[in-house]
PDB file of N, CA and C in Angstrom:
ATOM      1  N   MET A   1       0.849  -1.164   0.000  1.00  0.00           N
ATOM      2  CA  MET A   1       0.000   0.000   0.000  1.00  0.00           C
ATOM      3  C   MET A   1       0.903   1.238   0.000  1.00  0.00           C
ATOM      4  N   PRO A   2       0.716   2.182  -0.892  1.00  0.00           N
ATOM      5  CA  PRO A   2       1.551   3.386  -0.913  1.00  0.00           C
ATOM      6  C   PRO A   2       1.411   4.182   0.381  1.00  0.00           C
ATOM      7  N   ALA A   3       2.482   4.897   0.747  1.00  0.00           N
ATOM      8  CA  ALA A   3       2.517   5.626   2.009  1.00  0.00           C
ATOM      9  C   ALA A   3       1.462   6.728   2.091  1.00  0.00           C
ATOM     10  N   ASP A   4       1.079   7.333   0.953  1.00  0.00           N
ATOM     11  CA  ASP A   4       0.129   8.436   0.992  1.00  0.00           C
ATOM     12  C   ASP A   4      -1.330   7.991   0.949  1.00  0.00           C
ATOM     13  N   THR A   5      -1.593   6.700   0.837  1.00  0.00           N
ATOM     14  CA  THR A   5      -2.955   6.186   0.835  1.00  0.00           C
ATOM     15  C   THR A   5      -3.426   6.021   2.283  1.00  0.00           C
ATOM     16  N   PRO A   6      -4.514   6.712   2.678  1.00  0.00           N
ATOM     17  CA  PRO A   6      -4.984   6.572   4.061  1.00  0.00           C
ATOM     18  C   PRO A   6      -5.490   5.162   4.342  1.00  0.00           C
ATOM     19  N   LYS A   7      -5.200   4.683   5.522  1.00  0.00           N
ATOM     20  CA  LYS A   7      -5.685   3.364   5.932  1.00  0.00           C
ATOM     21  C   LYS A   7      -7.160   3.472   6.299  1.00  0.00           C
ATOM     22  N   ALA A   8      -7.820   2.354   6.342  1.00  0.00           N
ATOM     23  CA  ALA A   8      -9.250   2.321   6.651  1.00  0.00           C
ATOM     24  C   ALA A   8      -9.485   2.485   8.143  1.00  0.00           C
ATOM     25  N   CYS A   9     -10.552   3.175   8.475  1.00  0.00           N
ATOM     26  CA  CYS A   9     -10.984   3.341   9.862  1.00  0.00           C
ATOM     27  C   CYS A   9     -11.341   1.955  10.415  1.00  0.00           C
ATOM     28  N   PRO A  10     -10.848   1.579  11.597  1.00  0.00           N
ATOM     29  CA  PRO A  10     -11.152   0.262  12.144  1.00  0.00           C
ATOM     30  C   PRO A  10     -12.616   0.080  12.546  1.00  0.00           C
ATOM     31  N   VAL A  11     -13.379   1.163  12.667  1.00  0.00           N
ATOM     32  CA  VAL A  11     -14.773   1.067  13.083  1.00  0.00           C
ATOM     33  C   VAL A  11     -15.693   0.939  11.873  1.00  0.00           C
ATOM     34  N   CYS A  12     -15.523   1.828  10.878  1.00  0.00           N
ATOM     35  CA  CYS A  12     -16.481   1.855   9.769  1.00  0.00           C
ATOM     36  C   CYS A  12     -15.874   1.537   8.408  1.00  0.00           C
ATOM     37  N   GLY A  13     -14.549   1.565   8.289  1.00  0.00           N
ATOM     38  CA  GLY A  13     -13.902   1.218   7.035  1.00  0.00           C
ATOM     39  C   GLY A  13     -13.657   2.389   6.097  1.00  0.00           C
ATOM     40  N   LYS A  14     -14.117   3.588   6.438  1.00  0.00           N
ATOM     41  CA  LYS A  14     -13.857   4.764   5.612  1.00  0.00           C
ATOM     42  C   LYS A  14     -12.388   5.146   5.747  1.00  0.00           C
ATOM     43  N   PRO A  15     -11.842   5.952   4.819  1.00  0.00           N
ATOM     44  CA  PRO A  15     -10.442   6.378   4.943  1.00  0.00           C
ATOM     45  C   PRO A  15     -10.201   7.187   6.221  1.00  0.00           C
ATOM     46  N   ALA A  16      -9.118   6.896   6.896  1.00  0.00           N
ATOM     47  CA  ALA A  16      -8.770   7.612   8.121  1.00  0.00           C
ATOM     48  C   ALA A  16      -8.388   9.050   7.794  1.00  0.00           C
ATOM     49  N   GLN A  17      -8.679   9.952   8.719  1.00  0.00           N
ATOM     50  CA  GLN A  17      -8.347  11.368   8.566  1.00  0.00           C
ATOM     51  C   GLN A  17      -7.161  11.693   9.479  1.00  0.00           C
ATOM     52  N   PRO A  18      -6.248  12.551   9.016  1.00  0.00           N
ATOM     53  CA  PRO A  18      -5.059  12.870   9.825  1.00  0.00           C
ATOM     54  C   PRO A  18      -5.389  13.385  11.232  1.00  0.00           C
ATOM     55  N   ALA A  19      -6.426  14.182  11.378  1.00  0.00           N
ATOM     56  CA  ALA A  19      -6.758  14.759  12.687  1.00  0.00           C
ATOM     57  C   ALA A  19      -7.256  13.731  13.689  1.00  0.00           C
ATOM     58  N   THR A  20      -7.814  12.635  13.219  1.00  0.00           N
ATOM     59  CA  THR A  20      -8.383  11.625  14.130  1.00  0.00           C
ATOM     60  C   THR A  20      -7.797  10.242  13.883  1.00  0.00           C
ATOM     61  N   ARG A  21      -6.660  10.179  13.197  1.00  0.00           N
ATOM     62  CA  ARG A  21      -6.037   8.918  12.833  1.00  0.00           C
ATOM     63  C   ARG A  21      -5.884   7.999  14.030  1.00  0.00           C
ATOM     64  N   PRO A  22      -6.192   6.760  14.000  1.00  0.00           N
ATOM     65  CA  PRO A  22      -6.481   5.926  12.834  1.00  0.00           C
ATOM     66  C   PRO A  22      -7.952   5.895  12.448  1.00  0.00           C
ATOM     67  N   PHE A  23      -8.755   6.778  13.028  1.00  0.00           N
ATOM     68  CA  PHE A  23     -10.188   6.794  12.748  1.00  0.00           C
ATOM     69  C   PHE A  23     -10.527   7.837  11.698  1.00  0.00           C
ATOM     70  N   CYS A  24     -11.742   7.764  11.162  1.00  0.00           N
ATOM     71  CA  CYS A  24     -12.178   8.728  10.146  1.00  0.00           C
ATOM     72  C   CYS A  24     -12.816   9.948  10.775  1.00  0.00           C
ATOM     73  N   SER A  25     -13.257   9.848  12.023  1.00  0.00           N
ATOM     74  CA  SER A  25     -13.944  10.962  12.671  1.00  0.00           C
ATOM     75  C   SER A  25     -13.881  10.796  14.187  1.00  0.00           C
ATOM     76  N   ALA A  26     -14.246  11.877  14.876  1.00  0.00           N
ATOM     77  CA  ALA A  26     -14.317  11.822  16.341  1.00  0.00           C
ATOM     78  C   ALA A  26     -15.390  10.831  16.777  1.00  0.00           C
ATOM     79  N   ARG A  27     -16.453  10.703  16.000  1.00  0.00           N
ATOM     80  CA  ARG A  27     -17.518   9.767  16.345  1.00  0.00           C
ATOM     81  C   ARG A  27     -16.979   8.335  16.393  1.00  0.00           C
ATOM     82  N   CYS A  28     -16.242   7.929  15.355  1.00  0.00           N
ATOM     83  CA  CYS A  28     -15.693   6.570  15.336  1.00  0.00           C
ATOM     84  C   CYS A  28     -14.675   6.377  16.455  1.00  0.00           C
ATOM     85  N   ARG A  29     -13.908   7.414  16.762  1.00  0.00           N
ATOM     86  CA  ARG A  29     -12.961   7.333  17.880  1.00  0.00           C
ATOM     87  C   ARG A  29     -13.721   7.087  19.184  1.00  0.00           C
ATOM     88  N   ASN A  30     -14.851   7.771  19.386  1.00  0.00           N
ATOM     89  CA  ASN A  30     -15.649   7.590  20.599  1.00  0.00           C
ATOM     90  C   ASN A  30     -16.349   6.237  20.631  1.00  0.00           C
ATOM     91  N   VAL A  31     -16.774   5.743  19.477  1.00  0.00           N
ATOM     92  CA  VAL A  31     -17.376   4.407  19.415  1.00  0.00           C
ATOM     93  C   VAL A  31     -16.347   3.372  19.867  1.00  0.00           C
ATOM     94  N   ASP A  32     -15.109   3.497  19.395  1.00  0.00           N
ATOM     95  CA  ASP A  32     -14.051   2.571  19.772  1.00  0.00           C
ATOM     96  C   ASP A  32     -13.770   2.651  21.273  1.00  0.00           C
ATOM     97  N   LEU A  33     -13.700   3.864  21.817  1.00  0.00           N
ATOM     98  CA  LEU A  33     -13.483   4.028  23.252  1.00  0.00           C
ATOM     99  C   LEU A  33     -14.609   3.376  24.053  1.00  0.00           C
ATOM    100  N   GLY A  34     -15.837   3.569  23.599  1.00  0.00           N
ATOM    101  CA  GLY A  34     -16.980   2.952  24.271  1.00  0.00           C
ATOM    102  C   GLY A  34     -16.917   1.437  24.252  1.00  0.00           C
ATOM    103  N   ARG A  35     -16.401   0.883  23.174  1.00  0.00           N
ATOM    104  CA  ARG A  35     -16.255  -0.580  23.111  1.00  0.00           C
ATOM    105  C   ARG A  35     -15.239  -1.077  24.119  1.00  0.00           C
ATOM    106  N   TRP A  36     -14.130  -0.340  24.294  1.00  0.00           N
ATOM    107  CA  TRP A  36     -13.138  -0.729  25.299  1.00  0.00           C
ATOM    108  C   TRP A  36     -13.729  -0.616  26.700  1.00  0.00           C
ATOM    109  N   ILE A  37     -14.388   0.504  26.979  1.00  0.00           N
ATOM    110  CA  ILE A  37     -14.953   0.726  28.312  1.00  0.00           C
ATOM    111  C   ILE A  37     -16.042  -0.298  28.620  1.00  0.00           C
ATOM    112  N   GLY A  38     -16.843  -0.640  27.620  1.00  0.00           N
ATOM    113  CA  GLY A  38     -17.939  -1.580  27.823  1.00  0.00           C
ATOM    114  C   GLY A  38     -17.517  -3.043  27.875  1.00  0.00           C
ATOM    115  N   GLY A  39     -16.255  -3.321  27.583  1.00  0.00           N
ATOM    116  CA  GLY A  39     -15.762  -4.688  27.652  1.00  0.00           C
ATOM    117  C   GLY A  39     -15.936  -5.484  26.373  1.00  0.00           C
ATOM    118  N   THR A  40     -16.324  -4.814  25.272  1.00  0.00           N
ATOM    119  CA  THR A  40     -16.454  -5.520  23.998  1.00  0.00           C
ATOM    120  C   THR A  40     -15.103  -6.037  23.542  1.00  0.00           C
ATOM    121  N   TYR A  41     -14.074  -5.208  23.739  1.00  0.00           N
ATOM    122  CA  TYR A  41     -12.704  -5.622  23.424  1.00  0.00           C
ATOM    123  C   TYR A  41     -12.078  -6.140  24.705  1.00  0.00           C
ATOM    124  N   ALA A  42     -11.253  -7.149  24.588  1.00  0.00           N
ATOM    125  CA  ALA A  42     -10.555  -7.664  25.763  1.00  0.00           C
ATOM    126  C   ALA A  42      -9.213  -8.222  25.339  1.00  0.00           C
ATOM    127  N   ILE A  43      -8.247  -8.085  26.203  1.00  0.00           N
ATOM    128  CA  ILE A  43      -6.931  -8.656  25.968  1.00  0.00           C
ATOM    129  C   ILE A  43      -6.933 -10.028  26.624  1.00  0.00           C
ATOM    130  N   PRO A  44      -6.636 -11.092  25.861  1.00  0.00           N
ATOM    131  CA  PRO A  44      -6.696 -12.438  26.437  1.00  0.00           C
ATOM    132  C   PRO A  44      -5.639 -12.639  27.526  1.00  0.00           C
ATOM    133  N   GLY A  45      -5.996 -13.414  28.512  1.00  0.00           N
ATOM    134  CA  GLY A  45      -5.078 -13.727  29.599  1.00  0.00           C
ATOM    135  C   GLY A  45      -5.845 -14.254  30.787  1.00  0.00           C
ATOM    136  N   GLN A  46      -5.125 -14.546  31.827  1.00  0.00           N
ATOM    137  CA  GLN A  46      -5.760 -15.041  33.043  1.00  0.00           C
ATOM    138  C   GLN A  46      -6.505 -13.899  33.724  1.00  0.00           C
ATOM    139  N   PRO A  47      -7.637 -14.177  34.337  1.00  0.00           N
ATOM    140  CA  PRO A  47      -8.335 -13.141  35.105  1.00  0.00           C
ATOM    141  C   PRO A  47      -7.446 -12.620  36.234  1.00  0.00           C
ATOM    142  N   ALA A  48      -7.608 -11.384  36.598  1.00  0.00           N
ATOM    143  CA  ALA A  48      -6.815 -10.774  37.659  1.00  0.00           C
ATOM    144  C   ALA A  48      -6.959 -11.573  38.940  1.00  0.00           C
ATOM    145  N   GLY A  49      -5.869 -11.762  39.615  1.00  0.00           N
ATOM    146  CA  GLY A  49      -5.888 -12.472  40.889  1.00  0.00           C
ATOM    147  C   GLY A  49      -5.421 -13.908  40.797  1.00  0.00           C
ATOM    148  N   GLU A  50      -5.529 -14.543  39.662  1.00  0.00           N
ATOM    149  CA  GLU A  50      -5.105 -15.938  39.535  1.00  0.00           C
ATOM    150  C   GLU A  50      -3.599 -16.064  39.672  1.00  0.00           C
ATOM    151  N   GLU A  51      -2.833 -15.088  39.213  1.00  0.00           N
ATOM    152  CA  GLU A  51      -1.387 -15.150  39.331  1.00  0.00           C
ATOM    153  C   GLU A  51      -0.977 -15.124  40.795  1.00  0.00           C
ATOM    154  N   ASP A  52      -1.669 -14.325  41.614  1.00  0.00           N
ATOM    155  CA  ASP A  52      -1.363 -14.255  43.037  1.00  0.00           C
ATOM    156  C   ASP A  52      -1.650 -15.577  43.732  1.00  0.00           C
ATOM    157  N   GLU A  53      -2.742 -16.240  43.364  1.00  0.00           N
ATOM    158  CA  GLU A  53      -3.086 -17.530  43.977  1.00  0.00           C
ATOM    159  C   GLU A  53      -2.067 -18.599  43.609  1.00  0.00           C
ATOM    160  N   ASP A  54      -1.569 -18.598  42.357  1.00  0.00           N
ATOM    161  CA  ASP A  54      -0.579 -19.572  41.937  1.00  0.00           C
ATOM    162  C   ASP A  54       0.733 -19.375  42.691  1.00  0.00           C
ATOM    163  N   ALA A  55       1.111 -18.151  42.991  1.00  0.00           N
ATOM    164  CA  ALA A  55       2.361 -17.867  43.697  1.00  0.00           C
ATOM    165  C   ALA A  55       2.304 -18.323  45.145  1.00  0.00           C
ATOM    166  N   GLU A  56       1.115 -18.317  45.751  1.00  0.00           N
ATOM    167  CA  GLU A  56       0.962 -18.717  47.149  1.00  0.00           C
ATOM    168  C   GLU A  56       1.037 -20.212  47.335  1.00  0.00           C
ATOM    169  N   ARG A  57       0.775 -20.986  46.310  1.00  0.00           N
ATOM    170  CA  ARG A  57       0.754 -22.461  46.430  1.00  0.00           C
ATOM    171  C   ARG A  57       2.106 -23.045  46.462  1.00  0.00           C
TER     172      ARG A  57
END
């Protein structure tokens, strides 16, 4: 992909805008933030606290 071609917005697929990169608009940026806050996105791993229990055993 050429360097000057804008990448697609991860929320809606429209071309990303420099002011809100990697999103196309403030709305898509806020939608993405809401997904993180709401738990739609998650980083895989052990639930918090399990590492502490394993260390005590």
